[in-house]
């Protein structure tokens, strides 16, 4: 199984970032699907204002079957 997800526009998703913004109604989260982590900077710059960011969670866009440990990775 591949470790990336193919989006309909033929770009690959390796990373998923969820940006949590504070609002008057509680936290609002915005998901960004990215190929490279460096894309996150431009996505955050587009807004909402980064002073309203509570947290950002980043995870790999892979299935649980593809997960390995750091010890297994060392053997590769």
PDB file of N, CA and C in Angstrom:
ATOM      1  N   UNK A   1       0.842  -1.186   0.000  1.00  0.00           N
ATOM      2  CA  UNK A   1       0.000   0.000   0.000  1.00  0.00           C
ATOM      3  C   UNK A   1       0.881   1.240   0.000  1.00  0.00           C
ATOM      4  N   UNK A   2       0.491   2.229  -0.735  1.00  0.00           N
ATOM      5  CA  UNK A   2       1.257   3.468  -0.841  1.00  0.00           C
ATOM      6  C   UNK A   2       1.127   4.286   0.431  1.00  0.00           C
ATOM      7  N   UNK A   3       2.151   5.088   0.731  1.00  0.00           N
ATOM      8  CA  UNK A   3       2.089   5.911   1.933  1.00  0.00           C
ATOM      9  C   UNK A   3       1.573   7.314   1.646  1.00  0.00           C
ATOM     10  N   UNK A   4       1.030   7.522   0.470  1.00  0.00           N
ATOM     11  CA  UNK A   4       0.456   8.821   0.136  1.00  0.00           C
ATOM     12  C   UNK A   4      -0.954   8.623  -0.425  1.00  0.00           C
ATOM     13  N   UNK A   5      -1.752   9.642  -0.306  1.00  0.00           N
ATOM     14  CA  UNK A   5      -3.108   9.622  -0.837  1.00  0.00           C
ATOM     15  C   UNK A   5      -3.109  10.482  -2.089  1.00  0.00           C
ATOM     16  N   UNK A   6      -3.723   9.992  -3.156  1.00  0.00           N
ATOM     17  CA  UNK A   6      -3.796  10.788  -4.380  1.00  0.00           C
ATOM     18  C   UNK A   6      -5.105  11.559  -4.385  1.00  0.00           C
ATOM     19  N   UNK A   7      -5.006  12.866  -4.551  1.00  0.00           N
ATOM     20  CA  UNK A   7      -6.192  13.703  -4.649  1.00  0.00           C
ATOM     21  C   UNK A   7      -6.637  13.725  -6.099  1.00  0.00           C
ATOM     22  N   UNK A   8      -7.889  14.084  -6.331  1.00  0.00           N
ATOM     23  CA  UNK A   8      -8.405  14.109  -7.714  1.00  0.00           C
ATOM     24  C   UNK A   8      -7.595  15.005  -8.649  1.00  0.00           C
ATOM     25  N   UNK A   9      -6.956  16.047  -8.127  1.00  0.00           N
ATOM     26  CA  UNK A   9      -6.195  16.939  -8.998  1.00  0.00           C
ATOM     27  C   UNK A   9      -4.781  16.422  -9.244  1.00  0.00           C
ATOM     28  N   UNK A  10      -4.542  15.160  -8.968  1.00  0.00           N
ATOM     29  CA  UNK A  10      -3.290  14.432  -9.191  1.00  0.00           C
ATOM     30  C   UNK A  10      -2.126  14.884  -8.310  1.00  0.00           C
ATOM     31  N   UNK A  11      -2.364  15.701  -7.301  1.00  0.00           N
ATOM     32  CA  UNK A  11      -1.312  15.982  -6.328  1.00  0.00           C
ATOM     33  C   UNK A  11      -1.418  14.953  -5.218  1.00  0.00           C
ATOM     34  N   UNK A  12      -0.354  14.777  -4.494  1.00  0.00           N
ATOM     35  CA  UNK A  12      -0.324  13.779  -3.442  1.00  0.00           C
ATOM     36  C   UNK A  12      -0.422  14.435  -2.081  1.00  0.00           C
ATOM     37  N   UNK A  13      -1.078  13.761  -1.183  1.00  0.00           N
ATOM     38  CA  UNK A  13      -1.205  14.225   0.195  1.00  0.00           C
ATOM     39  C   UNK A  13      -0.307  13.358   1.059  1.00  0.00           C
ATOM     40  N   UNK A  14       0.744  13.944   1.596  1.00  0.00           N
ATOM     41  CA  UNK A  14       1.612  13.227   2.530  1.00  0.00           C
ATOM     42  C   UNK A  14       1.351  13.667   3.962  1.00  0.00           C
ATOM     43  N   UNK A  15       0.861  14.900   4.106  1.00  0.00           N
ATOM     44  CA  UNK A  15       0.662  15.495   5.428  1.00  0.00           C
ATOM     45  C   UNK A  15      -0.726  16.100   5.519  1.00  0.00           C
ATOM     46  N   UNK A  16      -1.311  16.013   6.709  1.00  0.00           N
ATOM     47  CA  UNK A  16      -2.580  16.664   6.993  1.00  0.00           C
ATOM     48  C   UNK A  16      -2.359  17.559   8.202  1.00  0.00           C
ATOM     49  N   UNK A  17      -2.623  18.839   8.031  1.00  0.00           N
ATOM     50  CA  UNK A  17      -2.489  19.799   9.134  1.00  0.00           C
ATOM     51  C   UNK A  17      -3.879  20.311   9.480  1.00  0.00           C
ATOM     52  N   UNK A  18      -4.185  20.327  10.764  1.00  0.00           N
ATOM     53  CA  UNK A  18      -5.423  20.929  11.241  1.00  0.00           C
ATOM     54  C   UNK A  18      -5.033  22.136  12.070  1.00  0.00           C
ATOM     55  N   UNK A  19      -5.496  23.297  11.638  1.00  0.00           N
ATOM     56  CA  UNK A  19      -5.215  24.548  12.331  1.00  0.00           C
ATOM     57  C   UNK A  19      -6.468  24.910  13.121  1.00  0.00           C
ATOM     58  N   UNK A  20      -6.304  25.090  14.424  1.00  0.00           N
ATOM     59  CA  UNK A  20      -7.414  25.409  15.310  1.00  0.00           C
ATOM     60  C   UNK A  20      -7.367  26.897  15.653  1.00  0.00           C
ATOM     61  N   UNK A  21      -8.426  27.597  15.293  1.00  0.00           N
ATOM     62  CA  UNK A  21      -8.530  29.034  15.534  1.00  0.00           C
ATOM     63  C   UNK A  21      -9.525  29.299  16.664  1.00  0.00           C
ATOM     64  N   UNK A  22      -9.191  30.256  17.534  1.00  0.00           N
ATOM     65  CA  UNK A  22     -10.122  30.685  18.560  1.00  0.00           C
ATOM     66  C   UNK A  22     -11.180  31.579  17.914  1.00  0.00           C
ATOM     67  N   UNK A  23     -12.442  31.359  18.286  1.00  0.00           N
ATOM     68  CA  UNK A  23     -13.532  32.216  17.817  1.00  0.00           C
ATOM     69  C   UNK A  23     -14.442  32.490  19.004  1.00  0.00           C
ATOM     70  N   UNK A  24     -15.359  33.401  18.831  1.00  0.00           N
ATOM     71  CA  UNK A  24     -16.307  33.713  19.901  1.00  0.00           C
ATOM     72  C   UNK A  24     -17.216  32.533  20.208  1.00  0.00           C
ATOM     73  N   UNK A  25     -17.309  31.587  19.296  1.00  0.00           N
ATOM     74  CA  UNK A  25     -18.141  30.391  19.486  1.00  0.00           C
ATOM     75  C   UNK A  25     -17.323  29.151  19.799  1.00  0.00           C
ATOM     76  N   UNK A  26     -16.071  29.304  20.192  1.00  0.00           N
ATOM     77  CA  UNK A  26     -15.195  28.169  20.477  1.00  0.00           C
ATOM     78  C   UNK A  26     -14.186  27.964  19.362  1.00  0.00           C
ATOM     79  N   UNK A  27     -13.490  26.830  19.435  1.00  0.00           N
ATOM     80  CA  UNK A  27     -12.466  26.549  18.430  1.00  0.00           C
ATOM     81  C   UNK A  27     -13.079  26.174  17.092  1.00  0.00           C
ATOM     82  N   UNK A  28     -12.478  26.691  16.039  1.00  0.00           N
ATOM     83  CA  UNK A  28     -12.835  26.339  14.666  1.00  0.00           C
ATOM     84  C   UNK A  28     -11.588  25.735  14.043  1.00  0.00           C
ATOM     85  N   UNK A  29     -11.725  24.551  13.442  1.00  0.00           N
ATOM     86  CA  UNK A  29     -10.538  23.942  12.833  1.00  0.00           C
ATOM     87  C   UNK A  29     -10.661  23.911  11.316  1.00  0.00           C
ATOM     88  N   UNK A  30      -9.517  24.116  10.677  1.00  0.00           N
ATOM     89  CA  UNK A  30      -9.421  24.118   9.228  1.00  0.00           C
ATOM     90  C   UNK A  30      -8.382  23.068   8.848  1.00  0.00           C
ATOM     91  N   UNK A  31      -8.756  22.144   7.985  1.00  0.00           N
ATOM     92  CA  UNK A  31      -7.834  21.088   7.561  1.00  0.00           C
ATOM     93  C   UNK A  31      -7.156  21.476   6.263  1.00  0.00           C
ATOM     94  N   UNK A  32      -5.840  21.243   6.214  1.00  0.00           N
ATOM     95  CA  UNK A  32      -5.051  21.489   5.010  1.00  0.00           C
ATOM     96  C   UNK A  32      -4.350  20.182   4.628  1.00  0.00           C
ATOM     97  N   UNK A  33      -4.574  19.712   3.410  1.00  0.00           N
ATOM     98  CA  UNK A  33      -3.902  18.528   2.883  1.00  0.00           C
ATOM     99  C   UNK A  33      -2.703  19.007   2.074  1.00  0.00           C
ATOM    100  N   UNK A  34      -1.527  18.467   2.397  1.00  0.00           N
ATOM    101  CA  UNK A  34      -0.296  18.975   1.775  1.00  0.00           C
ATOM    102  C   UNK A  34       0.586  17.831   1.296  1.00  0.00           C
ATOM    103  N   UNK A  35       1.378  18.143   0.295  1.00  0.00           N
ATOM    104  CA  UNK A  35       2.418  17.205  -0.136  1.00  0.00           C
ATOM    105  C   UNK A  35       3.686  17.446   0.676  1.00  0.00           C
ATOM    106  N   UNK A  36       4.041  18.709   0.869  1.00  0.00           N
ATOM    107  CA  UNK A  36       5.256  19.063   1.603  1.00  0.00           C
ATOM    108  C   UNK A  36       4.905  19.968   2.784  1.00  0.00           C
ATOM    109  N   UNK A  37       5.607  19.804   3.884  1.00  0.00           N
ATOM    110  CA  UNK A  37       5.344  20.612   5.072  1.00  0.00           C
ATOM    111  C   UNK A  37       5.554  22.105   4.832  1.00  0.00           C
ATOM    112  N   UNK A  38       6.439  22.435   3.921  1.00  0.00           N
ATOM    113  CA  UNK A  38       6.712  23.851   3.656  1.00  0.00           C
ATOM    114  C   UNK A  38       5.479  24.587   3.134  1.00  0.00           C
ATOM    115  N   UNK A  39       4.478  23.860   2.648  1.00  0.00           N
ATOM    116  CA  UNK A  39       3.250  24.478   2.171  1.00  0.00           C
ATOM    117  C   UNK A  39       2.442  25.108   3.303  1.00  0.00           C
ATOM    118  N   UNK A  40       2.643  24.624   4.519  1.00  0.00           N
ATOM    119  CA  UNK A  40       1.842  25.095   5.646  1.00  0.00           C
ATOM    120  C   UNK A  40       2.017  26.591   5.886  1.00  0.00           C
ATOM    121  N   UNK A  41       3.204  27.093   5.711  1.00  0.00           N
ATOM    122  CA  UNK A  41       3.459  28.517   5.937  1.00  0.00           C
ATOM    123  C   UNK A  41       2.523  29.384   5.096  1.00  0.00           C
ATOM    124  N   UNK A  42       2.435  29.104   3.813  1.00  0.00           N
ATOM    125  CA  UNK A  42       1.582  29.908   2.929  1.00  0.00           C
ATOM    126  C   UNK A  42       0.104  29.726   3.266  1.00  0.00           C
ATOM    127  N   UNK A  43      -0.284  28.516   3.650  1.00  0.00           N
ATOM    128  CA  UNK A  43      -1.678  28.273   4.007  1.00  0.00           C
ATOM    129  C   UNK A  43      -2.075  29.063   5.247  1.00  0.00           C
ATOM    130  N   UNK A  44      -1.191  29.109   6.242  1.00  0.00           N
ATOM    131  CA  UNK A  44      -1.467  29.864   7.468  1.00  0.00           C
ATOM    132  C   UNK A  44      -1.477  31.361   7.174  1.00  0.00           C
ATOM    133  N   UNK A  45      -0.590  31.811   6.303  1.00  0.00           N
ATOM    134  CA  UNK A  45      -0.522  33.232   5.945  1.00  0.00           C
ATOM    135  C   UNK A  45      -1.824  33.730   5.315  1.00  0.00           C
ATOM    136  N   UNK A  46      -2.532  32.841   4.610  1.00  0.00           N
ATOM    137  CA  UNK A  46      -3.769  33.237   3.928  1.00  0.00           C
ATOM    138  C   UNK A  46      -4.889  33.561   4.901  1.00  0.00           C
ATOM    139  N   UNK A  47      -4.748  33.150   6.149  1.00  0.00           N
ATOM    140  CA  UNK A  47      -5.728  33.519   7.159  1.00  0.00           C
ATOM    141  C   UNK A  47      -6.668  32.403   7.504  1.00  0.00           C
ATOM    142  N   UNK A  48      -7.452  32.607   8.493  1.00  0.00           N
ATOM    143  CA  UNK A  48      -7.628  33.798   9.311  1.00  0.00           C
ATOM    144  C   UNK A  48      -6.340  34.226  10.010  1.00  0.00           C
ATOM    145  N   UNK A  49      -6.408  35.340  10.679  1.00  0.00           N
ATOM    146  CA  UNK A  49      -5.240  35.907  11.344  1.00  0.00           C
ATOM    147  C   UNK A  49      -4.564  34.884  12.256  1.00  0.00           C
ATOM    148  N   UNK A  50      -3.249  34.767  12.158  1.00  0.00           N
ATOM    149  CA  UNK A  50      -2.535  33.747  12.928  1.00  0.00           C
ATOM    150  C   UNK A  50      -2.504  34.042  14.418  1.00  0.00           C
ATOM    151  N   UNK A  51      -2.836  35.262  14.826  1.00  0.00           N
ATOM    152  CA  UNK A  51      -2.931  35.552  16.256  1.00  0.00           C
ATOM    153  C   UNK A  51      -4.108  34.826  16.907  1.00  0.00           C
ATOM    154  N   UNK A  52      -5.031  34.329  16.097  1.00  0.00           N
ATOM    155  CA  UNK A  52      -6.174  33.580  16.613  1.00  0.00           C
ATOM    156  C   UNK A  52      -5.907  32.075  16.670  1.00  0.00           C
ATOM    157  N   UNK A  53      -4.706  31.642  16.277  1.00  0.00           N
ATOM    158  CA  UNK A  53      -4.386  30.205  16.288  1.00  0.00           C
ATOM    159  C   UNK A  53      -4.175  29.731  17.718  1.00  0.00           C
ATOM    160  N   UNK A  54      -4.898  28.684  18.071  1.00  0.00           N
ATOM    161  CA  UNK A  54      -4.741  28.024  19.370  1.00  0.00           C
ATOM    162  C   UNK A  54      -3.670  26.948  19.268  1.00  0.00           C
ATOM    163  N   UNK A  55      -3.756  26.131  18.205  1.00  0.00           N
ATOM    164  CA  UNK A  55      -2.783  25.050  18.008  1.00  0.00           C
ATOM    165  C   UNK A  55      -2.857  24.572  16.576  1.00  0.00           C
ATOM    166  N   UNK A  56      -1.814  23.850  16.184  1.00  0.00           N
ATOM    167  CA  UNK A  56      -1.758  23.207  14.874  1.00  0.00           C
ATOM    168  C   UNK A  56      -1.348  21.755  15.103  1.00  0.00           C
ATOM    169  N   UNK A  57      -2.114  20.840  14.547  1.00  0.00           N
ATOM    170  CA  UNK A  57      -1.789  19.414  14.621  1.00  0.00           C
ATOM    171  C   UNK A  57      -1.403  18.951  13.222  1.00  0.00           C
ATOM    172  N   UNK A  58      -0.283  18.261  13.134  1.00  0.00           N
ATOM    173  CA  UNK A  58       0.186  17.742  11.844  1.00  0.00           C
ATOM    174  C   UNK A  58       0.345  16.235  11.971  1.00  0.00           C
ATOM    175  N   UNK A  59      -0.167  15.521  10.982  1.00  0.00           N
ATOM    176  CA  UNK A  59       0.006  14.064  10.976  1.00  0.00           C
ATOM    177  C   UNK A  59       0.253  13.596   9.550  1.00  0.00           C
ATOM    178  N   UNK A  60       0.818  12.425   9.444  1.00  0.00           N
ATOM    179  CA  UNK A  60       1.030  11.817   8.137  1.00  0.00           C
ATOM    180  C   UNK A  60      -0.285  11.307   7.592  1.00  0.00           C
ATOM    181  N   UNK A  61      -0.458  11.378   6.306  1.00  0.00           N
ATOM    182  CA  UNK A  61      -1.669  10.900   5.646  1.00  0.00           C
ATOM    183  C   UNK A  61      -1.435   9.480   5.166  1.00  0.00           C
ATOM    184  N   UNK A  62      -1.342   8.567   6.104  1.00  0.00           N
ATOM    185  CA  UNK A  62      -1.136   7.156   5.772  1.00  0.00           C
ATOM    186  C   UNK A  62      -2.127   6.315   6.556  1.00  0.00           C
ATOM    187  N   UNK A  63      -2.359   5.120   6.092  1.00  0.00           N
ATOM    188  CA  UNK A  63      -3.266   4.233   6.802  1.00  0.00           C
ATOM    189  C   UNK A  63      -2.538   3.590   7.981  1.00  0.00           C
ATOM    190  N   UNK A  64      -3.295   3.116   8.938  1.00  0.00           N
ATOM    191  CA  UNK A  64      -2.696   2.510  10.127  1.00  0.00           C
ATOM    192  C   UNK A  64      -1.906   1.250   9.786  1.00  0.00           C
ATOM    193  N   UNK A  65      -2.228   0.583   8.678  1.00  0.00           N
ATOM    194  CA  UNK A  65      -1.475  -0.616   8.286  1.00  0.00           C
ATOM    195  C   UNK A  65      -0.046  -0.277   7.873  1.00  0.00           C
ATOM    196  N   UNK A  66       0.183   0.949   7.440  1.00  0.00           N
ATOM    197  CA  UNK A  66       1.502   1.358   6.972  1.00  0.00           C
ATOM    198  C   UNK A  66       2.398   1.891   8.084  1.00  0.00           C
ATOM    199  N   UNK A  67       1.861   2.047   9.294  1.00  0.00           N
ATOM    200  CA  UNK A  67       2.640   2.615  10.381  1.00  0.00           C
ATOM    201  C   UNK A  67       3.754   1.663  10.801  1.00  0.00           C
ATOM    202  N   UNK A  68       4.926   2.219  11.037  1.00  0.00           N
ATOM    203  CA  UNK A  68       6.047   1.440  11.542  1.00  0.00           C
ATOM    204  C   UNK A  68       6.597   2.146  12.770  1.00  0.00           C
ATOM    205  N   UNK A  69       7.414   1.432  13.519  1.00  0.00           N
ATOM    206  CA  UNK A  69       8.052   2.027  14.686  1.00  0.00           C
ATOM    207  C   UNK A  69       9.392   2.636  14.267  1.00  0.00           C
ATOM    208  N   UNK A  70       9.979   3.441  15.149  1.00  0.00           N
ATOM    209  CA  UNK A  70      11.291   4.003  14.820  1.00  0.00           C
ATOM    210  C   UNK A  70      12.344   2.917  14.739  1.00  0.00           C
ATOM    211  N   UNK A  71      12.134   1.834  15.493  1.00  0.00           N
ATOM    212  CA  UNK A  71      13.075   0.715  15.424  1.00  0.00           C
ATOM    213  C   UNK A  71      12.976   0.015  14.073  1.00  0.00           C
ATOM    214  N   UNK A  72      11.776  -0.175  13.565  1.00  0.00           N
ATOM    215  CA  UNK A  72      11.592  -0.784  12.248  1.00  0.00           C
ATOM    216  C   UNK A  72      12.173   0.122  11.159  1.00  0.00           C
ATOM    217  N   UNK A  73      11.986   1.406  11.302  1.00  0.00           N
ATOM    218  CA  UNK A  73      12.514   2.349  10.311  1.00  0.00           C
ATOM    219  C   UNK A  73      14.037   2.295  10.270  1.00  0.00           C
ATOM    220  N   UNK A  74      14.650   2.109  11.414  1.00  0.00           N
ATOM    221  CA  UNK A  74      16.106   2.023  11.487  1.00  0.00           C
ATOM    222  C   UNK A  74      16.635   0.824  10.699  1.00  0.00           C
ATOM    223  N   UNK A  75      15.830  -0.228  10.594  1.00  0.00           N
ATOM    224  CA  UNK A  75      16.223  -1.443   9.885  1.00  0.00           C
ATOM    225  C   UNK A  75      16.105  -1.292   8.368  1.00  0.00           C
ATOM    226  N   UNK A  76      15.394  -0.278   7.913  1.00  0.00           N
ATOM    227  CA  UNK A  76      15.194  -0.106   6.463  1.00  0.00           C
ATOM    228  C   UNK A  76      16.457   0.299   5.743  1.00  0.00           C
TER     229      UNK A  76
END
